[in-house]
PDB file of N, CA and C in Angstrom:
ATOM      1  N   MET A   1     -14.985   6.328  -6.018  1.00  0.00           N
ATOM      2  CA  MET A   1     -14.456   5.219  -6.654  1.00  0.00           C
ATOM      3  C   MET A   1     -15.315   3.898  -6.246  1.00  0.00           C
ATOM      4  N   GLN A   2     -15.811   3.315  -7.136  1.00  0.00           N
ATOM      5  CA  GLN A   2     -16.544   1.979  -6.789  1.00  0.00           C
ATOM      6  C   GLN A   2     -15.841   0.926  -7.027  1.00  0.00           C
ATOM      7  N   ASN A   3     -15.889   0.020  -6.028  1.00  0.00           N
ATOM      8  CA  ASN A   3     -15.218  -1.348  -5.985  1.00  0.00           C
ATOM      9  C   ASN A   3     -16.184  -2.282  -6.653  1.00  0.00           C
ATOM     10  N   GLN A   4     -15.633  -3.308  -7.424  1.00  0.00           N
ATOM     11  CA  GLN A   4     -16.422  -4.347  -7.946  1.00  0.00           C
ATOM     12  C   GLN A   4     -15.842  -5.666  -7.496  1.00  0.00           C
ATOM     13  N   GLN A   5     -16.667  -6.477  -7.012  1.00  0.00           N
ATOM     14  CA  GLN A   5     -16.225  -7.717  -6.620  1.00  0.00           C
ATOM     15  C   GLN A   5     -16.486  -8.761  -7.645  1.00  0.00           C
ATOM     16  N   ASN A   6     -15.433  -9.514  -7.869  1.00  0.00           N
ATOM     17  CA  ASN A   6     -15.579 -10.640  -8.982  1.00  0.00           C
ATOM     18  C   ASN A   6     -16.504 -11.812  -8.598  1.00  0.00           C
ATOM     19  N   GLN A   7     -17.311 -12.214  -9.438  1.00  0.00           N
ATOM     20  CA  GLN A   7     -18.252 -13.308  -9.067  1.00  0.00           C
ATOM     21  C   GLN A   7     -17.523 -14.581  -8.708  1.00  0.00           C
ATOM     22  N   ASN A   8     -16.356 -14.740  -9.264  1.00  0.00           N
ATOM     23  CA  ASN A   8     -15.601 -16.175  -9.145  1.00  0.00           C
ATOM     24  C   ASN A   8     -14.813 -16.295  -7.907  1.00  0.00           C
ATOM     25  N   SER A   9     -14.426 -15.118  -7.221  1.00  0.00           N
ATOM     26  CA  SER A   9     -13.513 -15.184  -6.128  1.00  0.00           C
ATOM     27  C   SER A   9     -13.885 -13.957  -5.016  1.00  0.00           C
ATOM     28  N   ASN A  10     -13.038 -14.026  -4.207  1.00  0.00           N
ATOM     29  CA  ASN A  10     -13.256 -13.021  -3.235  1.00  0.00           C
ATOM     30  C   ASN A  10     -12.095 -11.727  -3.387  1.00  0.00           C
ATOM     31  N   GLN A  11     -11.943 -11.434  -4.745  1.00  0.00           N
ATOM     32  CA  GLN A  11     -11.114 -10.320  -4.986  1.00  0.00           C
ATOM     33  C   GLN A  11     -12.005  -8.962  -5.147  1.00  0.00           C
ATOM     34  N   ILE A  12     -11.314  -8.022  -4.584  1.00  0.00           N
ATOM     35  CA  ILE A  12     -11.936  -6.691  -4.774  1.00  0.00           C
ATOM     36  C   ILE A  12     -11.070  -5.938  -5.771  1.00  0.00           C
ATOM     37  N   ALA A  13     -11.491  -5.555  -6.889  1.00  0.00           N
ATOM     38  CA  ALA A  13     -10.847  -4.816  -7.904  1.00  0.00           C
ATOM     39  C   ALA A  13     -11.762  -4.035  -8.750  1.00  0.00           C
ATOM     40  N   ASN A  14     -11.154  -3.064  -9.416  1.00  0.00           N
ATOM     41  CA  ASN A  14     -11.837  -2.395 -10.481  1.00  0.00           C
ATOM     42  C   ASN A  14     -11.476  -2.991 -11.884  1.00  0.00           C
ATOM     43  N   PRO A  15     -12.385  -2.711 -12.773  1.00  0.00           N
ATOM     44  CA  PRO A  15     -11.894  -3.342 -14.120  1.00  0.00           C
ATOM     45  C   PRO A  15     -10.754  -2.700 -14.678  1.00  0.00           C
ATOM     46  N   GLN A  16      -9.968  -3.299 -15.464  1.00  0.00           N
ATOM     47  CA  GLN A  16      -8.689  -2.660 -15.986  1.00  0.00           C
ATOM     48  C   GLN A  16      -9.122  -1.604 -16.915  1.00  0.00           C
ATOM     49  N   THR A  17      -8.360  -0.540 -16.896  1.00  0.00           N
ATOM     50  CA  THR A  17      -8.495   0.575 -17.921  1.00  0.00           C
ATOM     51  C   THR A  17      -7.351   0.770 -18.633  1.00  0.00           C
ATOM     52  N   GLY A  18      -7.250   1.577 -19.704  1.00  0.00           N
ATOM     53  CA  GLY A  18      -6.176   1.749 -20.432  1.00  0.00           C
ATOM     54  C   GLY A  18      -5.797   0.684 -21.345  1.00  0.00           C
ATOM     55  N   GLN A  19      -4.912   0.923 -22.019  1.00  0.00           N
ATOM     56  CA  GLN A  19      -4.405  -0.079 -23.160  1.00  0.00           C
ATOM     57  C   GLN A  19      -3.190  -0.781 -22.822  1.00  0.00           C
ATOM     58  N   LEU A  20      -3.259  -1.881 -22.182  1.00  0.00           N
ATOM     59  CA  LEU A  20      -2.062  -2.690 -21.885  1.00  0.00           C
ATOM     60  C   LEU A  20      -1.968  -3.718 -22.970  1.00  0.00           C
ATOM     61  N   PRO A  21      -0.618  -3.935 -23.358  1.00  0.00           N
ATOM     62  CA  PRO A  21      -0.491  -4.940 -24.545  1.00  0.00           C
ATOM     63  C   PRO A  21      -1.074  -6.356 -24.096  1.00  0.00           C
ATOM     64  N   LYS A  22      -1.647  -6.929 -25.039  1.00  0.00           N
ATOM     65  CA  LYS A  22      -2.171  -8.409 -24.959  1.00  0.00           C
ATOM     66  C   LYS A  22      -1.117  -9.351 -24.482  1.00  0.00           C
ATOM     67  N   VAL A  23       0.201  -9.201 -25.085  1.00  0.00           N
ATOM     68  CA  VAL A  23       1.191 -10.117 -24.799  1.00  0.00           C
ATOM     69  C   VAL A  23       2.297  -9.097 -24.238  1.00  0.00           C
ATOM     70  N   LYS A  24       2.872  -9.689 -23.056  1.00  0.00           N
ATOM     71  CA  LYS A  24       3.934  -8.938 -22.321  1.00  0.00           C
ATOM     72  C   LYS A  24       5.130  -8.976 -23.061  1.00  0.00           C
ATOM     73  N   THR A  25       5.777  -7.875 -23.359  1.00  0.00           N
ATOM     74  CA  THR A  25       7.036  -7.748 -24.009  1.00  0.00           C
ATOM     75  C   THR A  25       8.120  -7.089 -23.009  1.00  0.00           C
ATOM     76  N   PRO A  26       9.377  -7.130 -23.482  1.00  0.00           N
ATOM     77  CA  PRO A  26      10.437  -6.599 -22.513  1.00  0.00           C
ATOM     78  C   PRO A  26      10.088  -5.030 -22.215  1.00  0.00           C
ATOM     79  N   GLU A  27       9.449  -4.408 -23.187  1.00  0.00           N
ATOM     80  CA  GLU A  27       9.261  -2.937 -22.832  1.00  0.00           C
ATOM     81  C   GLU A  27       8.277  -2.726 -21.746  1.00  0.00           C
ATOM     82  N   MET A  28       8.586  -1.675 -20.930  1.00  0.00           N
ATOM     83  CA  MET A  28       7.751  -1.389 -19.854  1.00  0.00           C
ATOM     84  C   MET A  28       6.575  -0.664 -20.247  1.00  0.00           C
ATOM     85  N   ASN A  29       5.326  -0.840 -19.791  1.00  0.00           N
ATOM     86  CA  ASN A  29       4.082  -0.199 -20.013  1.00  0.00           C
ATOM     87  C   ASN A  29       3.805   0.664 -18.865  1.00  0.00           C
ATOM     88  N   ASP A  30       2.463   1.404 -18.928  1.00  0.00           N
ATOM     89  CA  ASP A  30       2.144   2.316 -17.832  1.00  0.00           C
ATOM     90  C   ASP A  30       2.103   1.532 -16.452  1.00  0.00           C
ATOM     91  N   ARG A  31       1.520   0.386 -16.525  1.00  0.00           N
ATOM     92  CA  ARG A  31       1.304  -0.421 -15.262  1.00  0.00           C
ATOM     93  C   ARG A  31       2.809  -0.553 -14.698  1.00  0.00           C
ATOM     94  N   ASP A  32       3.630  -1.043 -15.573  1.00  0.00           N
ATOM     95  CA  ASP A  32       5.023  -1.393 -14.931  1.00  0.00           C
ATOM     96  C   ASP A  32       5.629  -0.253 -14.352  1.00  0.00           C
ATOM     97  N   PHE A  33       5.588   1.053 -15.029  1.00  0.00           N
ATOM     98  CA  PHE A  33       6.329   2.119 -14.534  1.00  0.00           C
ATOM     99  C   PHE A  33       5.594   2.393 -13.194  1.00  0.00           C
ATOM    100  N   ILE A  34       4.303   2.382 -13.083  1.00  0.00           N
ATOM    101  CA  ILE A  34       3.696   2.890 -11.831  1.00  0.00           C
ATOM    102  C   ILE A  34       3.969   1.844 -10.685  1.00  0.00           C
ATOM    103  N   ASN A  35       3.976   0.596 -11.037  1.00  0.00           N
ATOM    104  CA  ASN A  35       4.317  -0.451 -10.094  1.00  0.00           C
ATOM    105  C   ASN A  35       5.731  -0.380  -9.595  1.00  0.00           C
ATOM    106  N   ASP A  36       6.563  -0.006 -10.437  1.00  0.00           N
ATOM    107  CA  ASP A  36       8.082   0.270 -10.126  1.00  0.00           C
ATOM    108  C   ASP A  36       8.169   1.473  -9.159  1.00  0.00           C
ATOM    109  N   GLY A  37       7.396   2.592  -9.441  1.00  0.00           N
ATOM    110  CA  GLY A  37       7.303   3.675  -8.625  1.00  0.00           C
ATOM    111  C   GLY A  37       6.849   3.299  -7.183  1.00  0.00           C
ATOM    112  N   LEU A  38       5.699   2.538  -7.215  1.00  0.00           N
ATOM    113  CA  LEU A  38       5.204   2.117  -5.885  1.00  0.00           C
ATOM    114  C   LEU A  38       6.139   1.324  -5.030  1.00  0.00           C
ATOM    115  N   SER A  39       6.913   0.370  -5.747  1.00  0.00           N
ATOM    116  CA  SER A  39       7.793  -0.497  -5.136  1.00  0.00           C
ATOM    117  C   SER A  39       8.950   0.356  -4.507  1.00  0.00           C
ATOM    118  N   THR A  40       9.441   1.352  -5.355  1.00  0.00           N
ATOM    119  CA  THR A  40      10.460   2.158  -4.850  1.00  0.00           C
ATOM    120  C   THR A  40      10.019   2.972  -3.610  1.00  0.00           C
ATOM    121  N   CYS A  41       8.842   3.594  -3.604  1.00  0.00           N
ATOM    122  CA  CYS A  41       8.254   4.321  -2.552  1.00  0.00           C
ATOM    123  C   CYS A  41       8.302   3.367  -1.231  1.00  0.00           C
ATOM    124  N   LYS A  42       7.741   2.264  -1.406  1.00  0.00           N
ATOM    125  CA  LYS A  42       7.678   1.328  -0.214  1.00  0.00           C
ATOM    126  C   LYS A  42       9.136   1.071   0.274  1.00  0.00           C
ATOM    127  N   TYR A  43      10.055   0.792  -0.546  1.00  0.00           N
ATOM    128  CA  TYR A  43      11.506   0.538  -0.010  1.00  0.00           C
ATOM    129  C   TYR A  43      11.891   1.918   0.610  1.00  0.00           C
ATOM    130  N   LEU A  44      11.754   3.010   0.008  1.00  0.00           N
ATOM    131  CA  LEU A  44      12.138   4.252   0.679  1.00  0.00           C
ATOM    132  C   LEU A  44      11.485   4.608   2.012  1.00  0.00           C
ATOM    133  N   THR A  45      10.172   4.394   2.061  1.00  0.00           N
ATOM    134  CA  THR A  45       9.570   4.650   3.385  1.00  0.00           C
ATOM    135  C   THR A  45      10.080   3.671   4.390  1.00  0.00           C
ATOM    136  N   ASP A  46      10.435   2.467   4.053  1.00  0.00           N
ATOM    137  CA  ASP A  46      10.977   1.535   5.189  1.00  0.00           C
ATOM    138  C   ASP A  46      12.355   2.193   5.586  1.00  0.00           C
ATOM    139  N   SER A  47      13.164   2.502   4.616  1.00  0.00           N
ATOM    140  CA  SER A  47      14.435   2.986   5.022  1.00  0.00           C
ATOM    141  C   SER A  47      14.512   4.328   5.714  1.00  0.00           C
ATOM    142  N   LEU A  48      13.589   5.209   5.239  1.00  0.00           N
ATOM    143  CA  LEU A  48      13.535   6.425   5.884  1.00  0.00           C
ATOM    144  C   LEU A  48      12.868   6.471   7.264  1.00  0.00           C
ATOM    145  N   ASN A  49      12.092   5.473   7.541  1.00  0.00           N
ATOM    146  CA  ASN A  49      11.512   5.375   8.853  1.00  0.00           C
ATOM    147  C   ASN A  49      12.805   5.048   9.844  1.00  0.00           C
ATOM    148  N   ILE A  50      13.595   4.157   9.458  1.00  0.00           N
ATOM    149  CA  ILE A  50      14.713   3.814  10.498  1.00  0.00           C
ATOM    150  C   ILE A  50      15.537   5.122  10.526  1.00  0.00           C
ATOM    151  N   ALA A  51      15.887   5.812   9.452  1.00  0.00           N
ATOM    152  CA  ALA A  51      16.785   6.996   9.420  1.00  0.00           C
ATOM    153  C   ALA A  51      16.188   8.135  10.309  1.00  0.00           C
ATOM    154  N   VAL A  52      14.805   8.300  10.176  1.00  0.00           N
ATOM    155  CA  VAL A  52      14.179   9.288  11.108  1.00  0.00           C
ATOM    156  C   VAL A  52      14.273   8.980  12.564  1.00  0.00           C
ATOM    157  N   ARG A  53      13.953   7.547  12.710  1.00  0.00           N
ATOM    158  CA  ARG A  53      14.039   7.113  14.182  1.00  0.00           C
ATOM    159  C   ARG A  53      15.395   7.328  14.839  1.00  0.00           C
ATOM    160  N   GLU A  54      16.437   7.161  14.048  1.00  0.00           N
ATOM    161  CA  GLU A  54      17.758   7.201  14.638  1.00  0.00           C
ATOM    162  C   GLU A  54      18.446   8.483  14.302  1.00  0.00           C
ATOM    163  N   ALA A  55      17.895   9.460  13.864  1.00  0.00           N
ATOM    164  CA  ALA A  55      18.619  10.747  13.587  1.00  0.00           C
ATOM    165  C   ALA A  55      18.798  11.390  14.968  1.00  0.00           C
ATOM    166  N   SER A  56      20.091  11.805  15.100  1.00  0.00           N
ATOM    167  CA  SER A  56      20.324  12.435  16.436  1.00  0.00           C
ATOM    168  C   SER A  56      20.317  13.854  16.509  1.00  0.00           C
ATOM    169  N   HIS A  57      20.302  14.542  15.292  1.00  0.00           N
ATOM    170  CA  HIS A  57      20.260  16.042  15.144  1.00  0.00           C
ATOM    171  C   HIS A  57      18.926  16.443  14.964  1.00  0.00           C
ATOM    172  N   GLU A  58      18.299  17.383  15.647  1.00  0.00           N
ATOM    173  CA  GLU A  58      17.012  17.842  15.577  1.00  0.00           C
ATOM    174  C   GLU A  58      16.523  18.257  14.044  1.00  0.00           C
ATOM    175  N   GLN A  59      17.272  19.024  13.510  1.00  0.00           N
ATOM    176  CA  GLN A  59      16.865  19.656  12.262  1.00  0.00           C
ATOM    177  C   GLN A  59      17.015  18.452  11.213  1.00  0.00           C
ATOM    178  N   LEU A  60      17.965  17.659  11.242  1.00  0.00           N
ATOM    179  CA  LEU A  60      18.051  16.440  10.304  1.00  0.00           C
ATOM    180  C   LEU A  60      16.844  15.690  10.540  1.00  0.00           C
ATOM    181  N   HIS A  61      16.402  15.314  11.823  1.00  0.00           N
ATOM    182  CA  HIS A  61      15.140  14.564  12.086  1.00  0.00           C
ATOM    183  C   HIS A  61      13.985  15.360  11.480  1.00  0.00           C
ATOM    184  N   SER A  62      13.766  16.414  11.583  1.00  0.00           N
ATOM    185  CA  SER A  62      12.671  17.206  11.100  1.00  0.00           C
ATOM    186  C   SER A  62      12.565  17.178   9.552  1.00  0.00           C
ATOM    187  N   GLU A  63      13.721  17.382   8.861  1.00  0.00           N
ATOM    188  CA  GLU A  63      13.883  17.327   7.514  1.00  0.00           C
ATOM    189  C   GLU A  63      13.401  15.879   6.960  1.00  0.00           C
ATOM    190  N   MET A  64      13.939  14.973   7.626  1.00  0.00           N
ATOM    191  CA  MET A  64      13.817  13.556   7.044  1.00  0.00           C
ATOM    192  C   MET A  64      12.392  13.015   7.362  1.00  0.00           C
ATOM    193  N   LEU A  65      11.778  13.557   8.511  1.00  0.00           N
ATOM    194  CA  LEU A  65      10.457  13.141   8.858  1.00  0.00           C
ATOM    195  C   LEU A  65       9.496  13.758   7.674  1.00  0.00           C
ATOM    196  N   GLN A  66       9.826  15.008   7.255  1.00  0.00           N
ATOM    197  CA  GLN A  66       9.063  15.595   6.278  1.00  0.00           C
ATOM    198  C   GLN A  66       9.110  14.904   5.067  1.00  0.00           C
ATOM    199  N   ILE A  67      10.249  14.397   4.545  1.00  0.00           N
ATOM    200  CA  ILE A  67      10.582  13.574   3.384  1.00  0.00           C
ATOM    201  C   ILE A  67       9.877  12.307   3.584  1.00  0.00           C
ATOM    202  N   LEU A  68       9.813  11.615   4.726  1.00  0.00           N
ATOM    203  CA  LEU A  68       9.150  10.332   4.942  1.00  0.00           C
ATOM    204  C   LEU A  68       7.628  10.468   4.763  1.00  0.00           C
ATOM    205  N   ILE A  69       7.045  11.601   5.256  1.00  0.00           N
ATOM    206  CA  ILE A  69       5.547  11.850   5.050  1.00  0.00           C
ATOM    207  C   ILE A  69       5.270  12.057   3.638  1.00  0.00           C
ATOM    208  N   GLU A  70       6.090  12.922   2.924  1.00  0.00           N
ATOM    209  CA  GLU A  70       5.762  13.088   1.436  1.00  0.00           C
ATOM    210  C   GLU A  70       6.000  11.659   0.587  1.00  0.00           C
ATOM    211  N   THR A  71       6.872  10.924   1.079  1.00  0.00           N
ATOM    212  CA  THR A  71       7.063   9.634   0.356  1.00  0.00           C
ATOM    213  C   THR A  71       5.798   8.816   0.663  1.00  0.00           C
ATOM    214  N   HIS A  72       5.261   8.696   1.870  1.00  0.00           N
ATOM    215  CA  HIS A  72       4.137   7.867   2.254  1.00  0.00           C
ATOM    216  C   HIS A  72       2.990   8.423   1.328  1.00  0.00           C
ATOM    217  N   GLN A  73       2.972   9.708   1.282  1.00  0.00           N
ATOM    218  CA  GLN A  73       1.764  10.513   0.463  1.00  0.00           C
ATOM    219  C   GLN A  73       2.018   9.995  -1.055  1.00  0.00           C
ATOM    220  N   SER A  74       3.190   9.815  -1.647  1.00  0.00           N
ATOM    221  CA  SER A  74       3.343   9.468  -2.952  1.00  0.00           C
ATOM    222  C   SER A  74       2.912   7.982  -3.109  1.00  0.00           C
ATOM    223  N   SER A  75       3.348   7.214  -2.091  1.00  0.00           N
ATOM    224  CA  SER A  75       3.016   5.777  -2.187  1.00  0.00           C
ATOM    225  C   SER A  75       1.362   5.600  -2.240  1.00  0.00           C
ATOM    226  N   ARG A  76       0.846   6.212  -1.463  1.00  0.00           N
ATOM    227  CA  ARG A  76      -0.738   6.277  -1.350  1.00  0.00           C
ATOM    228  C   ARG A  76      -1.249   6.680  -2.724  1.00  0.00           C
ATOM    229  N   GLN A  77      -0.854   7.824  -3.360  1.00  0.00           N
ATOM    230  CA  GLN A  77      -1.316   8.265  -4.610  1.00  0.00           C
ATOM    231  C   GLN A  77      -1.033   7.159  -5.683  1.00  0.00           C
ATOM    232  N   LEU A  78       0.133   6.622  -5.710  1.00  0.00           N
ATOM    233  CA  LEU A  78       0.544   5.431  -6.726  1.00  0.00           C
ATOM    234  C   LEU A  78      -0.498   4.387  -6.598  1.00  0.00           C
ATOM    235  N   TYR A  79      -0.640   3.958  -5.316  1.00  0.00           N
ATOM    236  CA  TYR A  79      -1.499   2.797  -5.005  1.00  0.00           C
ATOM    237  C   TYR A  79      -2.989   3.088  -5.482  1.00  0.00           C
ATOM    238  N   ASN A  80      -3.482   4.325  -5.102  1.00  0.00           N
ATOM    239  CA  ASN A  80      -4.633   4.716  -5.599  1.00  0.00           C
ATOM    240  C   ASN A  80      -4.909   4.599  -7.163  1.00  0.00           C
ATOM    241  N   LEU A  81      -3.873   5.114  -7.804  1.00  0.00           N
ATOM    242  CA  LEU A  81      -3.917   5.149  -9.286  1.00  0.00           C
ATOM    243  C   LEU A  81      -4.004   3.684  -9.831  1.00  0.00           C
ATOM    244  N   MET A  82      -3.214   2.816  -9.126  1.00  0.00           N
ATOM    245  CA  MET A  82      -3.042   1.409  -9.624  1.00  0.00           C
ATOM    246  C   MET A  82      -4.507   0.644  -9.398  1.00  0.00           C
ATOM    247  N   PHE A  83      -5.143   1.036  -8.288  1.00  0.00           N
ATOM    248  CA  PHE A  83      -6.299   0.395  -7.924  1.00  0.00           C
ATOM    249  C   PHE A  83      -7.419   0.897  -8.761  1.00  0.00           C
ATOM    250  N   LYS A  84      -7.397   2.155  -9.162  1.00  0.00           N
ATOM    251  CA  LYS A  84      -8.431   2.802 -10.006  1.00  0.00           C
ATOM    252  C   LYS A  84      -8.359   2.184 -11.353  1.00  0.00           C
ATOM    253  N   ASN A  85      -7.063   2.031 -11.815  1.00  0.00           N
ATOM    254  CA  ASN A  85      -7.034   1.316 -13.195  1.00  0.00           C
ATOM    255  C   ASN A  85      -7.111  -0.136 -13.290  1.00  0.00           C
ATOM    256  N   GLY A  86      -7.294  -0.801 -12.156  1.00  0.00           N
ATOM    257  CA  GLY A  86      -7.666  -2.274 -12.043  1.00  0.00           C
ATOM    258  C   GLY A  86      -6.363  -3.101 -12.064  1.00  0.00           C
ATOM    259  N   TRP A  87      -5.158  -2.342 -11.701  1.00  0.00           N
ATOM    260  CA  TRP A  87      -3.853  -3.055 -11.702  1.00  0.00           C
ATOM    261  C   TRP A  87      -3.490  -3.585 -10.248  1.00  0.00           C
ATOM    262  N   TYR A  88      -4.370  -3.224  -9.361  1.00  0.00           N
ATOM    263  CA  TYR A  88      -4.102  -3.640  -7.881  1.00  0.00           C
ATOM    264  C   TYR A  88      -5.257  -4.256  -7.388  1.00  0.00           C
ATOM    265  N   LYS A  89      -5.191  -5.523  -6.929  1.00  0.00           N
ATOM    266  CA  LYS A  89      -6.302  -6.238  -6.573  1.00  0.00           C
ATOM    267  C   LYS A  89      -6.104  -6.627  -4.896  1.00  0.00           C
ATOM    268  N   LEU A  90      -7.275  -6.567  -4.306  1.00  0.00           N
ATOM    269  CA  LEU A  90      -7.354  -6.881  -2.878  1.00  0.00           C
ATOM    270  C   LEU A  90      -8.095  -8.107  -2.575  1.00  0.00           C
ATOM    271  N   GLU A  91      -7.807  -8.867  -1.578  1.00  0.00           N
ATOM    272  CA  GLU A  91      -8.583 -10.079  -1.340  1.00  0.00           C
ATOM    273  C   GLU A  91      -9.526  -9.699  -0.145  1.00  0.00           C
ATOM    274  N   ALA A  92     -10.757 -10.002  -0.267  1.00  0.00           N
ATOM    275  CA  ALA A  92     -11.697  -9.782   0.783  1.00  0.00           C
ATOM    276  C   ALA A  92     -11.606 -10.985   1.776  1.00  0.00           C
ATOM    277  N   GLU A  93     -11.746 -10.647   2.970  1.00  0.00           N
ATOM    278  CA  GLU A  93     -11.580 -11.721   4.182  1.00  0.00           C
ATOM    279  C   GLU A  93     -13.076 -11.922   4.620  1.00  0.00           C
ATOM    280  N   GLU A  94     -13.071 -13.295   5.023  1.00  0.00           N
ATOM    281  CA  GLU A  94     -14.559 -13.672   5.582  1.00  0.00           C
ATOM    282  C   GLU A  94     -14.744 -12.823   6.981  1.00  0.00           C
ATOM    283  N   GLN A  95     -15.858 -12.414   7.175  1.00  0.00           N
ATOM    284  CA  GLN A  95     -16.256 -11.602   8.280  1.00  0.00           C
ATOM    285  C   GLN A  95     -15.833 -12.429   9.634  1.00  0.00           C
ATOM    286  N   GLN A  96     -15.977 -13.671   9.675  1.00  0.00           N
ATOM    287  CA  GLN A  96     -15.701 -14.576  10.861  1.00  0.00           C
ATOM    288  C   GLN A  96     -14.346 -14.558  11.164  1.00  0.00           C
ATOM    289  N   LYS A  97     -13.387 -14.480  10.311  1.00  0.00           N
ATOM    290  CA  LYS A  97     -11.922 -14.337  10.554  1.00  0.00           C
ATOM    291  C   LYS A  97     -11.631 -12.868  11.009  1.00  0.00           C
ATOM    292  N   ILE A  98     -12.198 -11.902  10.496  1.00  0.00           N
ATOM    293  CA  ILE A  98     -12.027 -10.539  10.980  1.00  0.00           C
ATOM    294  C   ILE A  98     -12.458 -10.287  12.455  1.00  0.00           C
ATOM    295  N   ASP A  99     -13.608 -10.856  12.781  1.00  0.00           N
ATOM    296  CA  ASP A  99     -14.153 -10.828  14.299  1.00  0.00           C
ATOM    297  C   ASP A  99     -13.237 -11.662  15.126  1.00  0.00           C
ATOM    298  N   GLN A 100     -12.648 -12.776  14.632  1.00  0.00           N
ATOM    299  CA  GLN A 100     -11.762 -13.546  15.460  1.00  0.00           C
ATOM    300  C   GLN A 100     -10.523 -12.816  15.721  1.00  0.00           C
ATOM    301  N   ALA A 101      -9.882 -12.151  14.668  1.00  0.00           N
ATOM    302  CA  ALA A 101      -8.697 -11.343  14.880  1.00  0.00           C
ATOM    303  C   ALA A 101      -8.851 -10.197  15.768  1.00  0.00           C
ATOM    304  N   TYR A 102     -10.020  -9.524  15.590  1.00  0.00           N
ATOM    305  CA  TYR A 102     -10.463  -8.419  16.430  1.00  0.00           C
ATOM    306  C   TYR A 102     -10.395  -8.730  18.040  1.00  0.00           C
ATOM    307  N   GLN A 103     -11.114  -9.862  18.109  1.00  0.00           N
ATOM    308  CA  GLN A 103     -11.293 -10.405  19.615  1.00  0.00           C
ATOM    309  C   GLN A 103      -9.925 -10.822  20.217  1.00  0.00           C
ATOM    310  N   GLN A 104      -9.182 -11.416  19.361  1.00  0.00           N
ATOM    311  CA  GLN A 104      -7.801 -11.687  19.816  1.00  0.00           C
ATOM    312  C   GLN A 104      -6.925 -10.556  20.249  1.00  0.00           C
ATOM    313  N   PHE A 105      -6.911  -9.621  19.381  1.00  0.00           N
ATOM    314  CA  PHE A 105      -6.131  -8.460  19.731  1.00  0.00           C
ATOM    315  C   PHE A 105      -6.654  -7.411  20.690  1.00  0.00           C
ATOM    316  N   SER A 106      -8.084  -7.474  20.860  1.00  0.00           N
ATOM    317  CA  SER A 106      -8.817  -6.818  21.837  1.00  0.00           C
ATOM    318  C   SER A 106      -8.416  -7.243  23.312  1.00  0.00           C
ATOM    319  N   ASN A 107      -8.175  -8.549  23.443  1.00  0.00           N
ATOM    320  CA  ASN A 107      -7.828  -9.193  24.658  1.00  0.00           C
ATOM    321  C   ASN A 107      -6.375  -8.824  25.087  1.00  0.00           C
ATOM    322  N   TYR A 108      -5.511  -8.522  24.086  1.00  0.00           N
ATOM    323  CA  TYR A 108      -4.271  -8.098  24.485  1.00  0.00           C
ATOM    324  C   TYR A 108      -4.174  -6.744  25.138  1.00  0.00           C
ATOM    325  N   SER A 109      -5.128  -5.951  24.985  1.00  0.00           N
ATOM    326  CA  SER A 109      -5.042  -4.530  25.595  1.00  0.00           C
ATOM    327  C   SER A 109      -5.159  -4.554  27.057  1.00  0.00           C
ATOM    328  N   SER A 110      -5.758  -5.720  27.569  1.00  0.00           N
ATOM    329  CA  SER A 110      -5.915  -5.798  28.989  1.00  0.00           C
ATOM    330  C   SER A 110      -4.491  -6.090  29.662  1.00  0.00           C
ATOM    331  N   GLN A 111      -3.559  -6.470  28.919  1.00  0.00           N
ATOM    332  CA  GLN A 111      -2.252  -6.799  29.280  1.00  0.00           C
ATOM    333  C   GLN A 111      -1.306  -5.528  29.272  1.00  0.00           C
ATOM    334  N   PHE A 112      -1.716  -4.379  28.781  1.00  0.00           N
ATOM    335  CA  PHE A 112      -0.877  -3.187  28.631  1.00  0.00           C
ATOM    336  C   PHE A 112      -0.731  -2.592  30.103  1.00  0.00           C
ATOM    337  N   PRO A 113       0.432  -2.182  30.405  1.00  0.00           N
ATOM    338  CA  PRO A 113       0.601  -1.590  31.734  1.00  0.00           C
ATOM    339  C   PRO A 113       0.078  -0.205  32.073  1.00  0.00           C
ATOM    340  N   TYR A 114      -0.493   0.474  30.996  1.00  0.00           N
ATOM    341  CA  TYR A 114      -1.100   1.773  31.215  1.00  0.00           C
ATOM    342  C   TYR A 114      -2.626   1.781  31.001  1.00  0.00           C
TER     343      TYR A 114
END
């Protein structure tokens, strides 16, 4: 999958593919359905993470953990599909800011007790 960076900004995105309507109507299109699925998966993984962490029964914990893993995988597949079709854009960060954040959090590791 090749990423293309727009000349006008620091966005990383693929060109849009597929036939989206020129004017947004109340009807849902492919992008709307996939975006809705991705939003639902994000909500489910947040909720399932809490449920898995707090499950007191071992079998229930195992089953819910498997559902959580599968939901994360579904989220990733939907994200990849949206990015591939140019429906999900990312912002590129300046290397200096990345280096600064890395340095900041690297210094925290010296504070760990182990």
